[in-house]
Amino acid sequence: MHRTHTARKAREEELRRRSETTSRSASNSRRSTTRCQIGSVLTQVQRASRMTMEELAASIRVSPAETSSFLSGEQFPSWPVTERFALACGADTQVLRKVWDDEQDRREGAR
């Protein structure tokens, strides 16, 4: 009887782990669909500038962690931050404004 109980506990534990993994995966996929698309544009601009993340963060007056969240698309930057980003990297502010406006429109349409 002890082996049966142990085997059942092991199966329950495995099912619990699978359930948690599936739940995390679903949560991550939902989160990824809400990521800001401007992040990839900002990443290209940052790479083209050859500035490190720390240099860029200092230049736009936000933390490196927040800068990283903008670049990854996890966080949508305000227009003033995006403008400082463009100026620090030597990018065209008018082009980035159009990208920012499009993202803002998408975000408002999703609500």
PDB file of N, CA and C in Angstrom:
ATOM      1  N   MET A   1       0.815  -1.191   0.000  1.00  0.00           N
ATOM      2  CA  MET A   1       0.000   0.000   0.000  1.00  0.00           C
ATOM      3  C   MET A   1       0.864   1.263   0.000  1.00  0.00           C
ATOM      4  N   HIS A   2       1.984   1.218   0.679  1.00  0.00           N
ATOM      5  CA  HIS A   2       2.878   2.366   0.725  1.00  0.00           C
ATOM      6  C   HIS A   2       3.393   2.714  -0.673  1.00  0.00           C
ATOM      7  N   ARG A   3       3.714   1.718  -1.483  1.00  0.00           N
ATOM      8  CA  ARG A   3       4.193   1.981  -2.849  1.00  0.00           C
ATOM      9  C   ARG A   3       3.098   2.619  -3.696  1.00  0.00           C
ATOM     10  N   THR A   4       1.880   2.165  -3.530  1.00  0.00           N
ATOM     11  CA  THR A   4       0.773   2.729  -4.282  1.00  0.00           C
ATOM     12  C   THR A   4       0.581   4.192  -3.917  1.00  0.00           C
ATOM     13  N   HIS A   5       0.648   4.476  -2.644  1.00  0.00           N
ATOM     14  CA  HIS A   5       0.509   5.854  -2.175  1.00  0.00           C
ATOM     15  C   HIS A   5       1.647   6.730  -2.722  1.00  0.00           C
ATOM     16  N   THR A   6       2.855   6.234  -2.688  1.00  0.00           N
ATOM     17  CA  THR A   6       4.016   6.973  -3.194  1.00  0.00           C
ATOM     18  C   THR A   6       3.896   7.194  -4.699  1.00  0.00           C
ATOM     19  N   ALA A   7       3.462   6.191  -5.429  1.00  0.00           N
ATOM     20  CA  ALA A   7       3.298   6.316  -6.883  1.00  0.00           C
ATOM     21  C   ALA A   7       2.211   7.342  -7.206  1.00  0.00           C
ATOM     22  N   ARG A   8       1.130   7.331  -6.459  1.00  0.00           N
ATOM     23  CA  ARG A   8       0.039   8.280  -6.682  1.00  0.00           C
ATOM     24  C   ARG A   8       0.526   9.711  -6.397  1.00  0.00           C
ATOM     25  N   LYS A   9       1.280   9.873  -5.320  1.00  0.00           N
ATOM     26  CA  LYS A   9       1.826  11.196  -4.987  1.00  0.00           C
ATOM     27  C   LYS A   9       2.759  11.690  -6.103  1.00  0.00           C
ATOM     28  N   ALA A  10       3.568  10.784  -6.643  1.00  0.00           N
ATOM     29  CA  ALA A  10       4.493  11.146  -7.720  1.00  0.00           C
ATOM     30  C   ALA A  10       3.714  11.573  -8.968  1.00  0.00           C
ATOM     31  N   ARG A  11       2.633  10.844  -9.294  1.00  0.00           N
ATOM     32  CA  ARG A  11       1.792  11.210 -10.448  1.00  0.00           C
ATOM     33  C   ARG A  11       1.129  12.567 -10.221  1.00  0.00           C
ATOM     34  N   GLU A  12       0.624  12.800  -9.012  1.00  0.00           N
ATOM     35  CA  GLU A  12      -0.009  14.083  -8.697  1.00  0.00           C
ATOM     36  C   GLU A  12       0.992  15.230  -8.822  1.00  0.00           C
ATOM     37  N   GLU A  13       2.198  14.992  -8.333  1.00  0.00           N
ATOM     38  CA  GLU A  13       3.237  16.018  -8.418  1.00  0.00           C
ATOM     39  C   GLU A  13       3.595  16.312  -9.883  1.00  0.00           C
ATOM     40  N   GLU A  14       3.705  15.276 -10.692  1.00  0.00           N
ATOM     41  CA  GLU A  14       4.008  15.460 -12.116  1.00  0.00           C
ATOM     42  C   GLU A  14       2.883  16.227 -12.818  1.00  0.00           C
ATOM     43  N   LEU A  15       1.640  15.904 -12.515  1.00  0.00           N
ATOM     44  CA  LEU A  15       0.505  16.616 -13.109  1.00  0.00           C
ATOM     45  C   LEU A  15       0.497  18.081 -12.681  1.00  0.00           C
ATOM     46  N   ARG A  16       0.825  18.337 -11.424  1.00  0.00           N
ATOM     47  CA  ARG A  16       0.880  19.704 -10.930  1.00  0.00           C
ATOM     48  C   ARG A  16       1.965  20.494 -11.673  1.00  0.00           C
ATOM     49  N   ARG A  17       3.139  19.879 -11.845  1.00  0.00           N
ATOM     50  CA  ARG A  17       4.224  20.546 -12.571  1.00  0.00           C
ATOM     51  C   ARG A  17       3.834  20.839 -14.014  1.00  0.00           C
ATOM     52  N   ARG A  18       3.205  19.878 -14.656  1.00  0.00           N
ATOM     53  CA  ARG A  18       2.769  20.086 -16.047  1.00  0.00           C
ATOM     54  C   ARG A  18       1.746  21.213 -16.128  1.00  0.00           C
ATOM     55  N   SER A  19       0.825  21.235 -15.185  1.00  0.00           N
ATOM     56  CA  SER A  19      -0.197  22.277 -15.152  1.00  0.00           C
ATOM     57  C   SER A  19       0.431  23.651 -14.977  1.00  0.00           C
ATOM     58  N   GLU A  20       1.404  23.760 -14.073  1.00  0.00           N
ATOM     59  CA  GLU A  20       2.086  25.033 -13.860  1.00  0.00           C
ATOM     60  C   GLU A  20       2.840  25.469 -15.103  1.00  0.00           C
ATOM     61  N   THR A  21       3.501  24.529 -15.763  1.00  0.00           N
ATOM     62  CA  THR A  21       4.245  24.845 -16.981  1.00  0.00           C
ATOM     63  C   THR A  21       3.303  25.338 -18.061  1.00  0.00           C
ATOM     64  N   THR A  22       2.176  24.660 -18.235  1.00  0.00           N
ATOM     65  CA  THR A  22       1.187  25.059 -19.234  1.00  0.00           C
ATOM     66  C   THR A  22       0.625  26.428 -18.905  1.00  0.00           C
ATOM     67  N   SER A  23       0.347  26.667 -17.638  1.00  0.00           N
ATOM     68  CA  SER A  23      -0.179  27.955 -17.212  1.00  0.00           C
ATOM     69  C   SER A  23       0.824  29.072 -17.466  1.00  0.00           C
ATOM     70  N   ARG A  24       2.095  28.850 -17.131  1.00  0.00           N
ATOM     71  CA  ARG A  24       3.129  29.853 -17.382  1.00  0.00           C
ATOM     72  C   ARG A  24       3.279  30.111 -18.867  1.00  0.00           C
ATOM     73  N   SER A  25       3.242  29.066 -19.660  1.00  0.00           N
ATOM     74  CA  SER A  25       3.389  29.207 -21.107  1.00  0.00           C
ATOM     75  C   SER A  25       2.251  30.046 -21.681  1.00  0.00           C
ATOM     76  N   ALA A  26       1.027  29.785 -21.241  1.00  0.00           N
ATOM     77  CA  ALA A  26      -0.126  30.556 -21.713  1.00  0.00           C
ATOM     78  C   ALA A  26       0.001  32.013 -21.282  1.00  0.00           C
ATOM     79  N   SER A  27       0.446  32.225 -20.061  1.00  0.00           N
ATOM     80  CA  SER A  27       0.626  33.583 -19.560  1.00  0.00           C
ATOM     81  C   SER A  27       1.695  34.316 -20.362  1.00  0.00           C
ATOM     82  N   ASN A  28       2.792  33.653 -20.659  1.00  0.00           N
ATOM     83  CA  ASN A  28       3.860  34.266 -21.441  1.00  0.00           C
ATOM     84  C   ASN A  28       3.404  34.590 -22.844  1.00  0.00           C
ATOM     85  N   SER A  29       2.595  33.729 -23.459  1.00  0.00           N
ATOM     86  CA  SER A  29       2.141  34.009 -24.811  1.00  0.00           C
ATOM     87  C   SER A  29       1.169  35.183 -24.822  1.00  0.00           C
ATOM     88  N   ARG A  30       0.338  35.310 -23.774  1.00  0.00           N
ATOM     89  CA  ARG A  30      -0.541  36.470 -23.690  1.00  0.00           C
ATOM     90  C   ARG A  30       0.283  37.733 -23.519  1.00  0.00           C
ATOM     91  N   ARG A  31       1.292  37.662 -22.661  1.00  0.00           N
ATOM     92  CA  ARG A  31       2.135  38.812 -22.403  1.00  0.00           C
ATOM     93  C   ARG A  31       2.869  39.232 -23.667  1.00  0.00           C
ATOM     94  N   SER A  32       3.354  38.268 -24.459  1.00  0.00           N
ATOM     95  CA  SER A  32       4.120  38.605 -25.648  1.00  0.00           C
ATOM     96  C   SER A  32       3.266  39.296 -26.699  1.00  0.00           C
ATOM     97  N   THR A  33       1.953  39.015 -26.728  1.00  0.00           N
ATOM     98  CA  THR A  33       1.099  39.681 -27.700  1.00  0.00           C
ATOM     99  C   THR A  33       0.850  41.123 -27.321  1.00  0.00           C
ATOM    100  N   THR A  34       1.083  41.487 -26.048  1.00  0.00           N
ATOM    101  CA  THR A  34       0.870  42.857 -25.625  1.00  0.00           C
ATOM    102  C   THR A  34       2.163  43.657 -25.602  1.00  0.00           C
ATOM    103  N   ARG A  35       3.249  43.060 -26.033  1.00  0.00           N
ATOM    104  CA  ARG A  35       4.514  43.779 -26.060  1.00  0.00           C
ATOM    105  C   ARG A  35       4.436  44.918 -27.069  1.00  0.00           C
ATOM    106  N   CYS A  36       5.120  45.983 -26.760  1.00  0.00           N
ATOM    107  CA  CYS A  36       5.163  47.147 -27.644  1.00  0.00           C
ATOM    108  C   CYS A  36       6.024  46.838 -28.855  1.00  0.00           C
ATOM    109  N   GLN A  37       5.488  47.125 -30.012  1.00  0.00           N
ATOM    110  CA  GLN A  37       6.238  46.883 -31.230  1.00  0.00           C
ATOM    111  C   GLN A  37       7.331  47.915 -31.435  1.00  0.00           C
ATOM    112  N   ILE A  38       7.209  49.048 -30.774  1.00  0.00           N
ATOM    113  CA  ILE A  38       8.232  50.090 -30.896  1.00  0.00           C
ATOM    114  C   ILE A  38       9.568  49.623 -30.313  1.00  0.00           C
ATOM    115  N   GLY A  39       9.537  48.634 -29.449  1.00  0.00           N
ATOM    116  CA  GLY A  39      10.763  48.122 -28.842  1.00  0.00           C
ATOM    117  C   GLY A  39      11.782  47.667 -29.864  1.00  0.00           C
ATOM    118  N   SER A  40      11.325  46.991 -30.915  1.00  0.00           N
ATOM    119  CA  SER A  40      12.277  46.516 -31.928  1.00  0.00           C
ATOM    120  C   SER A  40      12.880  47.683 -32.709  1.00  0.00           C
ATOM    121  N   VAL A  41      12.104  48.724 -32.932  1.00  0.00           N
ATOM    122  CA  VAL A  41      12.631  49.909 -33.620  1.00  0.00           C
ATOM    123  C   VAL A  41      13.662  50.601 -32.725  1.00  0.00           C
ATOM    124  N   LEU A  42      13.326  50.751 -31.450  1.00  0.00           N
ATOM    125  CA  LEU A  42      14.262  51.389 -30.523  1.00  0.00           C
ATOM    126  C   LEU A  42      15.555  50.580 -30.406  1.00  0.00           C
ATOM    127  N   THR A  43      15.438  49.268 -30.437  1.00  0.00           N
ATOM    128  CA  THR A  43      16.619  48.409 -30.378  1.00  0.00           C
ATOM    129  C   THR A  43      17.515  48.644 -31.590  1.00  0.00           C
ATOM    130  N   GLN A  44      16.918  48.733 -32.769  1.00  0.00           N
ATOM    131  CA  GLN A  44      17.704  48.998 -33.983  1.00  0.00           C
ATOM    132  C   GLN A  44      18.394  50.358 -33.909  1.00  0.00           C
ATOM    133  N   VAL A  45      17.670  51.344 -33.401  1.00  0.00           N
ATOM    134  CA  VAL A  45      18.242  52.689 -33.271  1.00  0.00           C
ATOM    135  C   VAL A  45      19.407  52.671 -32.284  1.00  0.00           C
ATOM    136  N   GLN A  46      19.215  51.987 -31.154  1.00  0.00           N
ATOM    137  CA  GLN A  46      20.272  51.906 -30.141  1.00  0.00           C
ATOM    138  C   GLN A  46      21.500  51.187 -30.693  1.00  0.00           C
ATOM    139  N   ARG A  47      21.300  50.088 -31.401  1.00  0.00           N
ATOM    140  CA  ARG A  47      22.433  49.349 -31.971  1.00  0.00           C
ATOM    141  C   ARG A  47      23.178  50.176 -33.003  1.00  0.00           C
ATOM    142  N   ALA A  48      22.435  50.900 -33.828  1.00  0.00           N
ATOM    143  CA  ALA A  48      23.067  51.730 -34.852  1.00  0.00           C
ATOM    144  C   ALA A  48      23.902  52.850 -34.224  1.00  0.00           C
ATOM    145  N   SER A  49      23.493  53.301 -33.047  1.00  0.00           N
ATOM    146  CA  SER A  49      24.220  54.382 -32.370  1.00  0.00           C
ATOM    147  C   SER A  49      25.495  53.878 -31.705  1.00  0.00           C
ATOM    148  N   ARG A  50      25.566  52.561 -31.496  1.00  0.00           N
ATOM    149  CA  ARG A  50      26.695  51.920 -30.817  1.00  0.00           C
ATOM    150  C   ARG A  50      26.849  52.373 -29.363  1.00  0.00           C
ATOM    151  N   MET A  51      25.779  52.916 -28.809  1.00  0.00           N
ATOM    152  CA  MET A  51      25.792  53.292 -27.394  1.00  0.00           C
ATOM    153  C   MET A  51      25.488  52.051 -26.561  1.00  0.00           C
ATOM    154  N   THR A  52      26.131  51.943 -25.421  1.00  0.00           N
ATOM    155  CA  THR A  52      25.769  50.859 -24.506  1.00  0.00           C
ATOM    156  C   THR A  52      24.448  51.210 -23.847  1.00  0.00           C
ATOM    157  N   MET A  53      23.826  50.224 -23.269  1.00  0.00           N
ATOM    158  CA  MET A  53      22.561  50.468 -22.578  1.00  0.00           C
ATOM    159  C   MET A  53      22.761  51.465 -21.433  1.00  0.00           C
ATOM    160  N   GLU A  54      23.881  51.352 -20.743  1.00  0.00           N
ATOM    161  CA  GLU A  54      24.159  52.253 -19.620  1.00  0.00           C
ATOM    162  C   GLU A  54      24.346  53.692 -20.104  1.00  0.00           C
ATOM    163  N   GLU A  55      25.058  53.854 -21.210  1.00  0.00           N
ATOM    164  CA  GLU A  55      25.249  55.193 -21.769  1.00  0.00           C
ATOM    165  C   GLU A  55      23.921  55.788 -22.212  1.00  0.00           C
ATOM    166  N   LEU A  56      23.134  54.969 -22.873  1.00  0.00           N
ATOM    167  CA  LEU A  56      21.830  55.427 -23.342  1.00  0.00           C
ATOM    168  C   LEU A  56      20.927  55.793 -22.167  1.00  0.00           C
ATOM    169  N   ALA A  57      20.879  54.942 -21.167  1.00  0.00           N
ATOM    170  CA  ALA A  57      20.038  55.195 -19.994  1.00  0.00           C
ATOM    171  C   ALA A  57      20.411  56.520 -19.334  1.00  0.00           C
ATOM    172  N   ALA A  58      21.692  56.752 -19.180  1.00  0.00           N
ATOM    173  CA  ALA A  58      22.147  58.009 -18.573  1.00  0.00           C
ATOM    174  C   ALA A  58      21.755  59.200 -19.442  1.00  0.00           C
ATOM    175  N   SER A  59      21.873  59.029 -20.744  1.00  0.00           N
ATOM    176  CA  SER A  59      21.572  60.113 -21.672  1.00  0.00           C
ATOM    177  C   SER A  59      20.086  60.474 -21.687  1.00  0.00           C
ATOM    178  N   ILE A  60      19.224  59.475 -21.575  1.00  0.00           N
ATOM    179  CA  ILE A  60      17.779  59.749 -21.621  1.00  0.00           C
ATOM    180  C   ILE A  60      17.181  59.904 -20.228  1.00  0.00           C
ATOM    181  N   ARG A  61      18.042  59.802 -19.211  1.00  0.00           N
ATOM    182  CA  ARG A  61      17.663  60.043 -17.816  1.00  0.00           C
ATOM    183  C   ARG A  61      16.614  59.061 -17.291  1.00  0.00           C
ATOM    184  N   VAL A  62      16.822  57.791 -17.596  1.00  0.00           N
ATOM    185  CA  VAL A  62      16.027  56.714 -16.994  1.00  0.00           C
ATOM    186  C   VAL A  62      16.999  55.607 -16.581  1.00  0.00           C
ATOM    187  N   SER A  63      16.537  54.705 -15.752  1.00  0.00           N
ATOM    188  CA  SER A  63      17.409  53.629 -15.278  1.00  0.00           C
ATOM    189  C   SER A  63      17.730  52.644 -16.409  1.00  0.00           C
ATOM    190  N   PRO A  64      18.851  51.933 -16.289  1.00  0.00           N
ATOM    191  CA  PRO A  64      19.142  50.889 -17.277  1.00  0.00           C
ATOM    192  C   PRO A  64      18.034  49.823 -17.340  1.00  0.00           C
ATOM    193  N   ALA A  65      17.429  49.509 -16.195  1.00  0.00           N
ATOM    194  CA  ALA A  65      16.349  48.510 -16.195  1.00  0.00           C
ATOM    195  C   ALA A  65      15.155  49.005 -16.998  1.00  0.00           C
ATOM    196  N   GLU A  66      14.817  50.271 -16.830  1.00  0.00           N
ATOM    197  CA  GLU A  66      13.688  50.823 -17.579  1.00  0.00           C
ATOM    198  C   GLU A  66      14.028  50.911 -19.062  1.00  0.00           C
ATOM    199  N   THR A  67      15.261  51.300 -19.368  1.00  0.00           N
ATOM    200  CA  THR A  67      15.710  51.340 -20.764  1.00  0.00           C
ATOM    201  C   THR A  67      15.584  49.958 -21.395  1.00  0.00           C
ATOM    202  N   SER A  68      15.996  48.944 -20.658  1.00  0.00           N
ATOM    203  CA  SER A  68      15.880  47.567 -21.138  1.00  0.00           C
ATOM    204  C   SER A  68      14.430  47.188 -21.404  1.00  0.00           C
ATOM    205  N   SER A  69      13.530  47.626 -20.527  1.00  0.00           N
ATOM    206  CA  SER A  69      12.112  47.282 -20.717  1.00  0.00           C
ATOM    207  C   SER A  69      11.529  47.979 -21.946  1.00  0.00           C
ATOM    208  N   PHE A  70      12.043  49.162 -22.293  1.00  0.00           N
ATOM    209  CA  PHE A  70      11.611  49.828 -23.524  1.00  0.00           C
ATOM    210  C   PHE A  70      12.117  49.059 -24.744  1.00  0.00           C
ATOM    211  N   LEU A  71      13.386  48.668 -24.696  1.00  0.00           N
ATOM    212  CA  LEU A  71      13.993  47.964 -25.825  1.00  0.00           C
ATOM    213  C   LEU A  71      13.359  46.598 -26.059  1.00  0.00           C
ATOM    214  N   SER A  72      12.957  45.938 -24.990  1.00  0.00           N
ATOM    215  CA  SER A  72      12.356  44.612 -25.132  1.00  0.00           C
ATOM    216  C   SER A  72      10.869  44.685 -25.488  1.00  0.00           C
ATOM    217  N   GLY A  73      10.290  45.874 -25.395  1.00  0.00           N
ATOM    218  CA  GLY A  73       8.872  46.020 -25.686  1.00  0.00           C
ATOM    219  C   GLY A  73       7.972  45.728 -24.500  1.00  0.00           C
ATOM    220  N   GLU A  74       8.553  45.499 -23.337  1.00  0.00           N
ATOM    221  CA  GLU A  74       7.751  45.233 -22.147  1.00  0.00           C
ATOM    222  C   GLU A  74       7.039  46.480 -21.644  1.00  0.00           C
ATOM    223  N   GLN A  75       7.623  47.640 -21.912  1.00  0.00           N
ATOM    224  CA  GLN A  75       7.065  48.896 -21.431  1.00  0.00           C
ATOM    225  C   GLN A  75       7.021  49.888 -22.584  1.00  0.00           C
ATOM    226  N   PHE A  76       5.929  50.637 -22.665  1.00  0.00           N
ATOM    227  CA  PHE A  76       5.770  51.651 -23.708  1.00  0.00           C
ATOM    228  C   PHE A  76       6.285  52.986 -23.175  1.00  0.00           C
ATOM    229  N   PRO A  77       7.314  53.555 -23.815  1.00  0.00           N
ATOM    230  CA  PRO A  77       7.868  54.816 -23.314  1.00  0.00           C
ATOM    231  C   PRO A  77       6.967  56.001 -23.651  1.00  0.00           C
ATOM    232  N   SER A  78       7.005  57.014 -22.821  1.00  0.00           N
ATOM    233  CA  SER A  78       6.282  58.252 -23.126  1.00  0.00           C
ATOM    234  C   SER A  78       6.951  58.912 -24.334  1.00  0.00           C
ATOM    235  N   TRP A  79       6.243  59.868 -24.957  1.00  0.00           N
ATOM    236  CA  TRP A  79       6.856  60.545 -26.090  1.00  0.00           C
ATOM    237  C   TRP A  79       8.116  61.309 -25.672  1.00  0.00           C
ATOM    238  N   PRO A  80       8.130  62.059 -24.548  1.00  0.00           N
ATOM    239  CA  PRO A  80       9.366  62.756 -24.185  1.00  0.00           C
ATOM    240  C   PRO A  80      10.566  61.820 -24.030  1.00  0.00           C
ATOM    241  N   VAL A  81      10.356  60.639 -23.474  1.00  0.00           N
ATOM    242  CA  VAL A  81      11.450  59.676 -23.338  1.00  0.00           C
ATOM    243  C   VAL A  81      11.871  59.173 -24.723  1.00  0.00           C
ATOM    244  N   THR A  82      10.908  58.899 -25.576  1.00  0.00           N
ATOM    245  CA  THR A  82      11.216  58.427 -26.932  1.00  0.00           C
ATOM    246  C   THR A  82      11.972  59.495 -27.714  1.00  0.00           C
ATOM    247  N   GLU A  83      11.580  60.746 -27.529  1.00  0.00           N
ATOM    248  CA  GLU A  83      12.272  61.840 -28.213  1.00  0.00           C
ATOM    249  C   GLU A  83      13.717  61.962 -27.715  1.00  0.00           C
ATOM    250  N   ARG A  84      13.917  61.876 -26.397  1.00  0.00           N
ATOM    251  CA  ARG A  84      15.278  61.915 -25.855  1.00  0.00           C
ATOM    252  C   ARG A  84      16.093  60.740 -26.382  1.00  0.00           C
ATOM    253  N   PHE A  85      15.426  59.593 -26.504  1.00  0.00           N
ATOM    254  CA  PHE A  85      16.062  58.391 -27.053  1.00  0.00           C
ATOM    255  C   PHE A  85      16.569  58.671 -28.465  1.00  0.00           C
ATOM    256  N   ALA A  86      15.691  59.226 -29.301  1.00  0.00           N
ATOM    257  CA  ALA A  86      16.060  59.520 -30.687  1.00  0.00           C
ATOM    258  C   ALA A  86      17.219  60.507 -30.742  1.00  0.00           C
ATOM    259  N   LEU A  87      17.140  61.565 -29.964  1.00  0.00           N
ATOM    260  CA  LEU A  87      18.195  62.583 -29.969  1.00  0.00           C
ATOM    261  C   LEU A  87      19.520  62.007 -29.484  1.00  0.00           C
ATOM    262  N   ALA A  88      19.491  61.198 -28.444  1.00  0.00           N
ATOM    263  CA  ALA A  88      20.721  60.604 -27.908  1.00  0.00           C
ATOM    264  C   ALA A  88      21.381  59.678 -28.918  1.00  0.00           C
ATOM    265  N   CYS A  89      20.570  58.994 -29.715  1.00  0.00           N
ATOM    266  CA  CYS A  89      21.100  58.012 -30.677  1.00  0.00           C
ATOM    267  C   CYS A  89      21.332  58.613 -32.060  1.00  0.00           C
ATOM    268  N   GLY A  90      20.975  59.869 -32.240  1.00  0.00           N
ATOM    269  CA  GLY A  90      21.166  60.504 -33.539  1.00  0.00           C
ATOM    270  C   GLY A  90      20.138  60.068 -34.569  1.00  0.00           C
ATOM    271  N   ALA A  91      18.965  59.667 -34.101  1.00  0.00           N
ATOM    272  CA  ALA A  91      17.901  59.214 -35.010  1.00  0.00           C
ATOM    273  C   ALA A  91      16.971  60.382 -35.349  1.00  0.00           C
ATOM    274  N   ASP A  92      16.215  60.217 -36.399  1.00  0.00           N
ATOM    275  CA  ASP A  92      15.257  61.223 -36.846  1.00  0.00           C
ATOM    276  C   ASP A  92      14.049  61.218 -35.906  1.00  0.00           C
ATOM    277  N   THR A  93      13.826  62.317 -35.195  1.00  0.00           N
ATOM    278  CA  THR A  93      12.710  62.370 -34.242  1.00  0.00           C
ATOM    279  C   THR A  93      11.360  62.299 -34.947  1.00  0.00           C
ATOM    280  N   GLN A  94      11.264  62.824 -36.158  1.00  0.00           N
ATOM    281  CA  GLN A  94       9.986  62.790 -36.874  1.00  0.00           C
ATOM    282  C   GLN A  94       9.597  61.362 -37.244  1.00  0.00           C
ATOM    283  N   VAL A  95      10.577  60.579 -37.653  1.00  0.00           N
ATOM    284  CA  VAL A  95      10.295  59.174 -37.994  1.00  0.00           C
ATOM    285  C   VAL A  95       9.875  58.416 -36.745  1.00  0.00           C
ATOM    286  N   LEU A  96      10.631  58.605 -35.653  1.00  0.00           N
ATOM    287  CA  LEU A  96      10.272  57.920 -34.415  1.00  0.00           C
ATOM    288  C   LEU A  96       8.920  58.389 -33.892  1.00  0.00           C
ATOM    289  N   ARG A  97       8.562  59.646 -34.136  1.00  0.00           N
ATOM    290  CA  ARG A  97       7.249  60.138 -33.696  1.00  0.00           C
ATOM    291  C   ARG A  97       6.138  59.383 -34.426  1.00  0.00           C
ATOM    292  N   LYS A  98       6.335  59.129 -35.720  1.00  0.00           N
ATOM    293  CA  LYS A  98       5.323  58.372 -36.474  1.00  0.00           C
ATOM    294  C   LYS A  98       5.194  56.955 -35.940  1.00  0.00           C
ATOM    295  N   VAL A  99       6.314  56.325 -35.643  1.00  0.00           N
ATOM    296  CA  VAL A  99       6.295  54.974 -35.080  1.00  0.00           C
ATOM    297  C   VAL A  99       5.606  55.001 -33.719  1.00  0.00           C
ATOM    298  N   TRP A 100       5.944  56.005 -32.889  1.00  0.00           N
ATOM    299  CA  TRP A 100       5.355  56.133 -31.558  1.00  0.00           C
ATOM    300  C   TRP A 100       3.840  56.359 -31.655  1.00  0.00           C
ATOM    301  N   ASP A 101       3.419  57.246 -32.571  1.00  0.00           N
ATOM    302  CA  ASP A 101       1.980  57.507 -32.750  1.00  0.00           C
ATOM    303  C   ASP A 101       1.233  56.249 -33.178  1.00  0.00           C
ATOM    304  N   ASP A 102       1.806  55.480 -34.102  1.00  0.00           N
ATOM    305  CA  ASP A 102       1.179  54.226 -34.540  1.00  0.00           C
ATOM    306  C   ASP A 102       1.013  53.261 -33.375  1.00  0.00           C
ATOM    307  N   GLU A 103       2.050  53.162 -32.552  1.00  0.00           N
ATOM    308  CA  GLU A 103       1.985  52.281 -31.381  1.00  0.00           C
ATOM    309  C   GLU A 103       0.920  52.769 -30.405  1.00  0.00           C
ATOM    310  N   GLN A 104       0.870  54.064 -30.196  1.00  0.00           N
ATOM    311  CA  GLN A 104      -0.139  54.642 -29.299  1.00  0.00           C
ATOM    312  C   GLN A 104      -1.545  54.338 -29.818  1.00  0.00           C
ATOM    313  N   ASP A 105      -1.755  54.474 -31.116  1.00  0.00           N
ATOM    314  CA  ASP A 105      -3.056  54.167 -31.715  1.00  0.00           C
ATOM    315  C   ASP A 105      -3.421  52.697 -31.518  1.00  0.00           C
ATOM    316  N   ARG A 106      -2.440  51.793 -31.698  1.00  0.00           N
ATOM    317  CA  ARG A 106      -2.682  50.354 -31.482  1.00  0.00           C
ATOM    318  C   ARG A 106      -3.082  50.093 -30.045  1.00  0.00           C
ATOM    319  N   ARG A 107      -2.371  50.734 -29.130  1.00  0.00           N
ATOM    320  CA  ARG A 107      -2.644  50.537 -27.703  1.00  0.00           C
ATOM    321  C   ARG A 107      -4.041  51.027 -27.339  1.00  0.00           C
ATOM    322  N   GLU A 108      -4.428  52.173 -27.877  1.00  0.00           N
ATOM    323  CA  GLU A 108      -5.751  52.712 -27.577  1.00  0.00           C
ATOM    324  C   GLU A 108      -6.844  51.864 -28.222  1.00  0.00           C
ATOM    325  N   GLY A 109      -6.574  51.308 -29.399  1.00  0.00           N
ATOM    326  CA  GLY A 109      -7.546  50.449 -30.075  1.00  0.00           C
ATOM    327  C   GLY A 109      -7.732  49.124 -29.368  1.00  0.00           C
ATOM    328  N   ALA A 110      -6.716  48.676 -28.638  1.00  0.00           N
ATOM    329  CA  ALA A 110      -6.781  47.389 -27.931  1.00  0.00           C
ATOM    330  C   ALA A 110      -7.598  47.490 -26.657  1.00  0.00           C
ATOM    331  N   ARG A 111      -7.864  48.681 -26.195  1.00  0.00           N
ATOM    332  CA  ARG A 111      -8.582  48.850 -24.929  1.00  0.00           C
ATOM    333  C   ARG A 111     -10.036  48.739 -25.088  1.00  0.00           C
TER     334      ARG A 111
END
